[in-house]
Protein backbone atom coordinates (compact mmCIF):
# COMPACT_ATOMS: atom_id res chain seq x y z
CA MET A 1 -0.03 0.00 0.05
CA LYS A 2 2.82 2.44 0.88
CA ILE A 3 4.52 1.69 -2.47
CA PHE A 4 1.21 2.35 -4.33
CA LYS A 5 0.86 5.74 -2.52
CA ARG A 6 4.44 6.62 -3.45
CA ILE A 7 3.88 5.79 -7.05
CA LEU A 8 0.53 7.76 -7.07
CA LEU A 9 2.14 10.78 -5.46
CA THR A 10 5.09 10.63 -7.96
CA PHE A 11 2.63 10.41 -10.80
CA LEU A 12 0.64 13.39 -9.55
CA LEU A 13 3.86 15.31 -8.98
CA LEU A 14 4.85 14.68 -12.64
CA ILE A 15 1.46 15.88 -13.74
CA ILE A 16 1.73 19.14 -11.79
CA ILE A 17 5.32 19.67 -13.07
CA SER A 18 4.40 18.99 -16.61
CA GLY A 19 1.41 21.19 -16.32
CA SER A 20 3.40 24.08 -15.03
CA ILE A 21 5.84 23.68 -17.93
CA PHE A 22 3.45 23.15 -20.81
CA PHE A 23 0.37 25.07 -19.62
CA PRO A 24 1.70 28.49 -20.82
CA THR A 25 2.48 27.04 -24.30
CA LEU A 26 -0.88 25.30 -24.49
CA ARG A 27 -2.63 28.56 -23.40
CA ARG A 28 -0.78 30.55 -26.06
CA LEU A 29 -1.84 27.94 -28.70
CA TYR A 30 -5.46 28.26 -27.58
CA TRP A 31 -5.17 32.08 -27.73
CA THR A 32 -3.75 31.82 -31.30
CA MET A 33 -6.52 29.49 -32.41
CA THR A 34 -9.20 31.77 -31.04
CA LEU A 35 -7.57 35.14 -31.79
CA PHE A 36 -9.93 36.18 -34.49
CA ASP A 37 -13.21 35.01 -33.02
CA LYS A 38 -16.05 37.51 -33.30
CA GLU A 39 -16.53 37.90 -29.58
CA VAL A 40 -12.86 38.60 -28.66
CA ILE A 41 -11.11 39.90 -31.79
CA ALA A 42 -11.30 43.66 -30.88
CA GLU A 43 -10.23 43.06 -27.31
CA ASN A 44 -7.33 40.85 -28.49
CA PHE A 45 -6.09 43.36 -31.07
CA MET A 46 -5.88 45.95 -28.26
CA GLY A 47 -4.09 43.82 -25.82
CA MET A 48 -1.70 41.45 -27.52
CA ASN A 49 0.91 41.82 -24.81
CA LYS A 50 -1.48 40.26 -22.32
CA LYS A 51 -1.27 37.01 -24.31
CA PHE A 52 2.18 36.86 -25.79
CA LYS A 53 5.72 37.84 -24.89
CA SER A 54 6.91 41.31 -26.07
CA HIS A 55 9.53 43.97 -25.87
CA GLU A 56 8.46 47.52 -24.83
CA ILE A 57 9.62 50.48 -26.81
CA GLN A 58 9.72 53.76 -24.85
CA PRO A 59 9.19 57.19 -26.50
CA GLY A 60 11.75 59.89 -26.30
CA GLU A 61 11.81 62.76 -23.81
CA LYS A 62 10.38 65.31 -26.28
CA VAL A 63 6.92 64.38 -27.45
CA PHE A 64 5.59 65.64 -30.86
CA GLN A 65 1.90 66.22 -31.25
CA PHE A 66 0.11 67.03 -34.51
CA PRO A 67 -1.29 70.48 -34.43
CA LYS A 68 -5.07 70.59 -34.65
CA GLY A 69 -6.44 71.84 -37.93
CA GLU A 70 -9.98 72.79 -38.93
CA GLN A 71 -11.92 69.60 -38.26
CA ILE A 72 -13.47 67.94 -41.26
CA GLN A 73 -16.58 65.85 -41.81
CA LEU A 74 -16.02 62.65 -43.74
CA PRO A 75 -17.91 62.45 -47.10
CA GLU A 76 -21.30 60.94 -46.71
CA VAL A 77 -20.76 58.58 -49.62
CA PHE A 78 -18.05 57.29 -51.93
CA THR A 79 -18.02 55.21 -55.05
CA PHE A 80 -16.26 52.04 -56.19
CA ASN A 81 -17.02 50.31 -59.50
CA ASN A 82 -20.12 52.51 -59.96
CA GLN A 83 -21.46 51.31 -56.61
CA GLN A 84 -22.11 53.83 -53.91
CA TYR A 85 -21.21 53.13 -50.29
CA GLN A 86 -22.35 55.09 -47.20
CA THR A 87 -19.16 56.05 -45.34
CA ALA A 88 -20.53 55.60 -41.80
CA GLN A 89 -21.90 52.15 -42.73
CA TYR A 90 -18.61 51.16 -44.35
CA LEU A 91 -16.62 52.10 -41.28
CA ASP A 92 -19.02 50.21 -39.15
CA SER A 93 -19.25 47.13 -41.34
CA SER A 94 -15.40 46.91 -41.61
CA PHE A 95 -15.30 46.99 -37.86
CA THR A 96 -13.18 50.08 -37.62
CA ALA A 97 -11.51 50.65 -34.23
CA GLY A 98 -9.68 53.95 -34.94
CA PHE A 99 -9.82 56.39 -37.87
CA LEU A 100 -7.52 59.41 -38.20
CA VAL A 101 -6.84 61.97 -40.99
CA ILE A 102 -3.75 64.23 -41.21
CA GLN A 103 -3.95 66.88 -43.91
CA ASN A 104 -1.52 69.62 -44.70
CA ASP A 105 0.43 68.56 -41.62
CA SER A 106 -2.52 69.06 -39.23
CA LEU A 107 -4.81 66.61 -37.45
CA VAL A 108 -8.26 67.16 -38.96
CA TYR A 109 -10.22 64.04 -38.00
CA GLU A 110 -9.78 61.41 -35.19
CA LYS A 111 -12.47 59.02 -33.92
CA TYR A 112 -12.36 55.70 -31.98
CA PHE A 113 -14.75 52.72 -31.82
CA LEU A 114 -14.99 49.26 -30.19
CA GLY A 115 -13.26 50.45 -27.04
CA ASP A 116 -10.24 51.83 -28.78
CA THR A 117 -8.68 55.06 -27.43
CA ASP A 118 -5.94 57.57 -28.29
CA SER A 119 -3.48 55.69 -25.97
CA THR A 120 -4.34 52.17 -27.07
CA GLN A 121 -1.55 50.16 -28.58
CA PHE A 122 -3.24 48.39 -31.53
CA ILE A 123 -1.71 45.42 -33.45
CA SER A 124 -0.19 46.47 -36.71
CA TRP A 125 -0.12 43.09 -38.35
CA SER A 126 1.67 43.61 -41.76
CA MET A 127 1.94 47.37 -41.32
CA ALA A 128 4.95 46.42 -39.30
CA LYS A 129 6.72 45.41 -42.56
CA SER A 130 6.93 49.08 -43.59
CA PHE A 131 8.57 49.86 -40.25
CA VAL A 132 11.11 47.10 -40.80
CA SER A 133 11.80 48.52 -44.23
CA ALA A 134 12.63 51.92 -42.75
CA LEU A 135 14.93 50.27 -40.22
CA PHE A 136 16.62 48.41 -43.10
CA GLY A 137 17.20 51.57 -45.02
CA ILE A 138 18.74 53.20 -41.98
CA ALA A 139 21.00 50.18 -41.47
CA VAL A 140 22.17 50.50 -45.08
CA GLU A 141 22.85 54.26 -44.65
CA GLU A 142 24.87 53.60 -41.50
CA GLY A 143 27.00 51.01 -43.20
CA TYR A 144 25.82 47.97 -41.30
CA ILE A 145 24.53 46.52 -44.50
CA LYS A 146 26.72 47.09 -47.59
CA SER A 147 24.23 46.75 -50.38
CA ILE A 148 20.75 45.35 -51.16
CA ASP A 149 22.39 43.52 -54.10
CA GLN A 150 24.16 41.20 -51.68
CA LYS A 151 22.85 37.70 -51.22
CA VAL A 152 20.95 36.68 -48.09
CA GLU A 153 23.46 34.12 -47.04
CA GLU A 154 26.16 36.67 -46.85
CA TYR A 155 24.52 37.78 -43.56
CA LEU A 156 22.62 34.63 -42.81
CA PRO A 157 24.69 31.51 -43.49
CA GLU A 158 22.16 29.51 -41.54
CA LEU A 159 19.76 29.87 -44.51
CA ILE A 160 22.13 28.09 -46.92
CA GLY A 161 20.18 25.21 -48.36
CA SER A 162 16.85 26.97 -47.98
CA GLY A 163 14.83 28.78 -50.60
CA TYR A 164 16.66 31.94 -49.61
CA GLU A 165 20.12 30.87 -50.72
CA GLY A 166 21.32 32.82 -53.64
CA VAL A 167 18.55 35.42 -53.38
CA ARG A 168 19.29 39.11 -53.51
CA ILE A 169 18.24 41.12 -50.43
CA LYS A 170 16.43 43.53 -52.89
CA ASP A 171 14.20 40.60 -54.01
CA VAL A 172 13.38 39.90 -50.35
CA LEU A 173 12.44 43.57 -49.86
CA GLN A 174 10.22 43.44 -52.93
CA MET A 175 8.49 40.15 -52.04
CA SER A 176 9.96 38.44 -55.17
CA VAL A 177 12.00 35.67 -53.48
CA GLY A 178 10.41 32.69 -55.30
CA VAL A 179 9.88 30.52 -52.25
CA LYS A 180 6.95 28.25 -52.04
CA PHE A 181 4.44 29.73 -49.51
CA ASN A 182 0.64 29.84 -48.99
CA GLU A 183 -0.35 33.16 -47.30
CA ASP A 184 -4.09 32.35 -47.06
CA TYR A 185 -5.27 33.19 -43.51
CA GLY A 186 -8.55 31.44 -44.13
CA ASP A 187 -6.85 28.09 -44.80
CA PHE A 188 -6.16 26.21 -41.57
CA TYR A 189 -3.35 24.29 -43.25
CA SER A 190 -1.68 27.29 -44.99
CA ASP A 191 1.97 28.05 -44.38
CA ILE A 192 1.19 31.34 -42.56
CA ASN A 193 -1.12 29.52 -40.17
CA LYS A 194 1.46 26.79 -39.62
CA TRP A 195 3.87 29.56 -38.73
CA GLY A 196 1.38 31.03 -36.37
CA ARG A 197 0.81 27.80 -34.47
CA GLY A 198 4.55 27.20 -34.34
CA PHE A 199 4.96 30.63 -32.88
CA ALA A 200 2.38 29.93 -30.30
CA LEU A 201 4.14 26.71 -29.29
CA GLY A 202 7.39 28.67 -28.86
CA THR A 203 9.38 27.36 -31.84
CA SER A 204 11.96 29.49 -33.50
CA GLN A 205 10.95 31.82 -36.30
CA ASP A 206 14.43 31.64 -37.72
CA ALA A 207 14.25 27.92 -37.91
CA PHE A 208 10.85 28.12 -39.68
CA ALA A 209 12.44 30.46 -42.36
CA ALA A 210 15.11 27.86 -42.95
CA THR A 211 12.38 25.26 -43.91
CA LEU A 212 11.06 27.18 -46.98
CA VAL A 213 12.09 25.90 -50.40
CA ARG A 214 12.53 27.44 -53.85
CA GLU A 215 9.51 27.26 -56.20
CA GLU A 216 10.49 29.73 -58.98
CA GLU A 217 13.17 32.04 -60.14
CA PRO A 218 13.87 35.02 -57.70
CA GLY A 219 13.06 38.44 -59.03
CA THR A 220 10.39 37.39 -61.59
CA ARG A 221 7.13 37.31 -59.64
CA ASN A 222 5.56 39.35 -56.91
CA HIS A 223 4.45 36.73 -54.47
CA TYR A 224 3.58 37.95 -50.97
CA VAL A 225 5.40 35.90 -48.33
CA SER A 226 5.40 37.26 -44.73
CA ILE A 227 8.43 35.25 -43.76
CA ASN A 228 10.49 37.39 -46.17
CA THR A 229 10.11 40.22 -43.63
CA HIS A 230 11.28 37.96 -40.90
CA VAL A 231 14.45 37.33 -42.96
CA LEU A 232 14.93 41.09 -43.25
CA GLY A 233 14.58 41.39 -39.48
CA MET A 234 17.16 38.58 -39.05
CA ILE A 235 19.56 40.53 -41.28
CA ILE A 236 19.15 43.78 -39.32
CA VAL A 237 19.68 41.96 -36.03
CA LYS A 238 22.86 40.15 -37.32
CA ALA A 239 24.24 43.23 -39.05
CA THR A 240 23.61 45.75 -36.26
CA GLY A 241 23.97 43.58 -33.24
CA LYS A 242 20.77 45.11 -31.89
CA GLY A 243 17.25 43.71 -31.50
CA LEU A 244 14.54 45.29 -33.75
CA SER A 245 12.88 46.90 -30.66
CA GLN A 246 16.12 48.58 -29.56
CA TYR A 247 16.89 49.77 -33.08
CA LEU A 248 13.34 51.09 -33.56
CA ALA A 249 13.49 53.06 -30.32
CA GLU A 250 16.87 54.62 -31.21
CA LYS A 251 16.21 55.40 -34.87
CA LEU A 252 12.41 56.24 -34.94
CA TRP A 253 10.61 56.45 -31.63
CA GLU A 254 12.97 58.80 -29.88
CA PRO A 255 13.95 61.21 -32.67
CA MET A 256 10.37 61.44 -33.97
CA GLY A 257 8.93 62.17 -30.49
CA MET A 258 6.39 59.32 -30.59
CA GLU A 259 3.57 60.13 -28.17
CA TYR A 260 3.22 56.76 -26.49
CA PRO A 261 5.15 53.59 -25.83
CA ALA A 262 4.83 50.76 -28.29
CA TYR A 263 5.60 47.08 -28.01
CA TRP A 264 6.76 44.40 -30.31
CA LEU A 265 5.69 40.74 -29.83
CA CYS A 266 8.60 38.22 -29.74
CA ASP A 267 9.13 34.49 -29.70
CA ASN A 268 10.62 32.42 -26.94
CA LEU A 269 14.06 33.23 -28.11
CA GLY A 270 13.39 37.01 -27.86
CA MET A 271 13.27 37.62 -31.64
CA GLU A 272 10.61 40.06 -32.65
CA VAL A 273 7.69 39.12 -34.93
CA ALA A 274 9.08 41.29 -37.70
CA LEU A 275 6.30 40.40 -40.09
CA GLY A 276 3.48 41.84 -38.03
CA GLY A 277 3.94 41.98 -34.21
CA LEU A 278 4.34 45.78 -33.74
CA ASN A 279 1.68 47.40 -31.48
CA VAL A 280 1.34 51.24 -31.77
CA THR A 281 -1.21 53.99 -31.18
CA LEU A 282 -3.13 55.52 -33.90
CA ARG A 283 -1.41 58.86 -33.77
CA ASP A 284 2.06 57.33 -33.81
CA TYR A 285 1.14 55.15 -36.84
CA ALA A 286 0.20 58.52 -38.47
CA LYS A 287 3.69 59.82 -37.82
CA MET A 288 5.15 56.96 -39.85
CA GLY A 289 2.98 58.01 -42.78
CA GLN A 290 3.92 61.72 -42.22
CA LEU A 291 7.63 60.82 -42.22
CA TYR A 292 7.34 59.08 -45.56
CA LEU A 293 5.10 61.88 -46.86
CA ASN A 294 8.13 64.14 -46.15
CA ASN A 295 10.55 61.81 -47.82
CA GLY A 296 12.08 60.60 -44.52
CA ASN A 297 12.62 64.05 -43.08
CA TRP A 298 11.20 64.81 -39.60
CA ASN A 299 11.30 68.47 -38.61
CA GLY A 300 14.53 69.11 -40.40
CA GLN A 301 16.19 65.93 -39.48
CA GLN A 302 16.69 63.18 -42.09
CA ILE A 303 15.58 60.07 -40.23
CA VAL A 304 15.23 57.64 -43.17
CA PRO A 305 17.41 58.37 -46.22
CA GLU A 306 15.48 60.22 -48.87
CA ASN A 307 16.65 57.94 -51.72
CA TRP A 308 15.50 54.87 -49.64
CA VAL A 309 12.02 56.35 -49.17
CA LYS A 310 11.62 57.08 -52.84
CA ALA A 311 12.88 53.63 -53.86
CA SER A 312 10.54 52.07 -51.22
CA VAL A 313 7.45 53.46 -52.84
CA THR A 314 8.42 53.19 -56.47
CA PRO A 315 7.90 49.84 -58.31
CA ASP A 316 10.97 49.32 -60.53
CA ALA A 317 10.19 46.09 -62.49
CA PRO A 318 7.26 44.83 -64.51
CA HIS A 319 6.22 42.21 -61.96
CA LEU A 320 5.96 44.94 -59.26
CA MET A 321 3.57 47.23 -61.12
CA PRO A 322 0.01 47.68 -60.05
CA GLY A 323 -2.48 45.38 -61.88
CA ILE A 324 -3.24 41.67 -61.73
CA THR A 325 -0.95 39.78 -64.17
CA GLN A 326 0.75 36.39 -64.31
CA SER A 327 3.64 37.94 -62.32
CA ASN A 328 1.59 39.84 -59.76
CA SER A 329 -1.47 38.39 -58.00
CA HIS A 330 -2.63 41.72 -56.45
CA SER A 331 -4.12 44.83 -58.00
CA PHE A 332 -1.60 46.92 -56.10
CA GLY A 333 2.06 47.33 -56.95
CA TYR A 334 4.87 46.78 -54.44
CA GLY A 335 8.06 48.55 -53.37
CA TYR A 336 10.26 47.86 -50.36
CA GLN A 337 7.55 46.59 -48.07
CA TRP A 338 5.10 49.26 -49.08
CA TRP A 339 2.06 48.86 -51.43
CA ILE A 340 1.59 51.16 -54.38
CA PRO A 341 -2.05 51.56 -55.76
CA TYR A 342 -2.81 52.22 -59.35
CA GLY A 343 -3.18 55.90 -60.14
CA ASP A 344 -1.14 59.03 -60.88
CA GLU A 345 -1.03 60.75 -57.43
CA GLY A 346 1.99 58.96 -56.01
CA GLU A 347 -0.04 57.29 -53.34
CA PHE A 348 1.35 54.42 -51.19
CA MET A 349 0.16 52.35 -48.26
CA ALA A 350 1.24 50.14 -45.42
CA MET A 351 -1.42 47.43 -45.04
CA GLY A 352 -2.09 44.81 -42.49
CA VAL A 353 -4.42 41.81 -42.41
CA TYR A 354 -7.92 42.39 -40.95
CA ASN A 355 -7.93 45.87 -42.46
CA GLN A 356 -5.05 47.95 -40.93
CA TYR A 357 -3.93 50.87 -43.11
CA ILE A 358 -1.55 53.82 -43.32
CA TYR A 359 -2.46 55.62 -46.54
CA VAL A 360 -0.26 58.41 -47.84
CA ASN A 361 -1.20 60.76 -50.73
CA PRO A 362 1.64 63.26 -51.59
CA THR A 363 -0.47 65.12 -54.10
CA THR A 364 -2.99 66.20 -51.43
CA ARG A 365 -0.63 65.96 -48.51
CA THR A 366 -2.93 63.57 -46.76
CA VAL A 367 -2.18 60.69 -44.31
CA ILE A 368 -5.04 58.46 -43.15
CA VAL A 369 -4.77 55.62 -40.60
CA LYS A 370 -7.44 52.92 -40.05
CA ASN A 371 -7.23 50.24 -37.40
CA SER A 372 -9.80 47.52 -37.57
CA ALA A 373 -10.92 44.23 -36.00
CA ASN A 374 -12.74 42.82 -38.97
CA TYR A 375 -13.66 39.22 -38.09
CA LYS A 376 -15.23 38.96 -41.52
CA TYR A 377 -12.01 39.63 -43.34
CA ASN A 378 -11.69 36.25 -44.93
CA GLU A 379 -15.18 36.26 -46.45
CA LEU A 380 -14.83 35.97 -50.23
CA GLY A 381 -16.16 38.93 -52.06
CA ASN A 382 -16.77 40.98 -48.98
CA PRO A 383 -16.49 44.66 -49.99
CA TYR A 384 -16.05 45.69 -46.39
CA ALA A 385 -12.73 43.85 -46.31
CA SER A 386 -11.46 44.91 -49.72
CA SER A 387 -8.45 47.26 -50.10
CA ASP A 388 -9.63 48.11 -53.61
CA VAL A 389 -12.83 49.51 -52.06
CA ILE A 390 -11.37 51.25 -49.06
CA ILE A 391 -8.81 53.19 -51.12
CA GLU A 392 -11.73 54.94 -52.87
CA LEU A 393 -12.84 56.19 -49.42
CA PHE A 394 -9.31 57.38 -48.69
CA ARG A 395 -9.22 59.21 -51.98
CA ALA A 396 -12.58 60.83 -51.44
CA ILE A 397 -11.33 62.04 -48.07
CA ALA A 398 -8.01 63.19 -49.43
CA HIS A 399 -9.67 65.34 -52.17
CA GLN A 400 -12.59 66.67 -50.10
CA ASN A 401 -12.15 70.46 -49.46
CA ASN A 402 -8.42 70.04 -50.29
CA LYS A 403 -6.87 73.46 -51.13
CA LEU A 404 -4.50 71.86 -53.56
CA ASP A 405 -7.37 70.65 -55.72
CA SER A 406 -8.33 74.22 -56.48
CA ILE A 407 -4.93 75.37 -57.54
């Protein structure tokens, strides 16, 4: 009987120990699997650091606030493909959490929904890619990275043998690597969802990147692969010797006078989720758009090299031009981690899944930021999840009562 009790106690002790070790991981996996559920998606998007590990990014001592301009009313309606949409209904049906307009350097509209506030750090998803691009351009300017014509393995020998071997860094920046990858968030078995479950279980993002294989010739087709941005992050960390959060704080947050702290989700090894884990307030997202509107210059200080900004928002090869073709599966064009819409106004955008946007229109000097928690994002044919539709709202706002239009 004593032996049985000892065995039972040992067994229970093992269960307790195992539970204490594996419970946090299983809990993160559960959170990942239910992250986009209707009942909790908005709350999750505004509190990712409550569920996952992260690095905090502190603002500088001097805070910049946009001056208040004459407040505008949004246009009542806008049109896409001869169909008219009510603006208020569109914002509601796309589950907008925050909406802000900067025009002619002044804050002219700001409104919050779904419990969002001006101090809420909201998940960027793939808008983070544009921040990584800015850091990459700074690292090139500072000499940490010699040239974007170098091959990936010159900085990351651990990716020799993967689909990234022999690929120019420029092709990684332009989402033209040629690796085999399925980015469909609605497909449970897609590569991006496999990555997500692996992240939740604590596996290395670096190791995941090394598993991707070559599918086609690099530099020939615009194929959106989020892991490409992780590879860019790996290069920045290896070249500078600094984590992405530290580099972001030094090069952007402090000199630009960001108003609030931010945080960047990271894996168990401390590597940031470069492809989409940055969490920032609405006004500070707008500052990133304003920085690029001004060609990388912030109040007289060149933060991001001007030539880098211009190259980042300028497609320079046929497969990167706007328009759906055999070499580009999206209606928008692509630069260095920035999207370029069709049109002649020089517009560009940072975009994130579930309808996160930083829209920049140099012609009308307009920056618009939209944060959303659109649980219907993956519904096929849903106009309230379409970037092609939302850009027409952005354009209607940009041109409404704009002084430059009358010149």
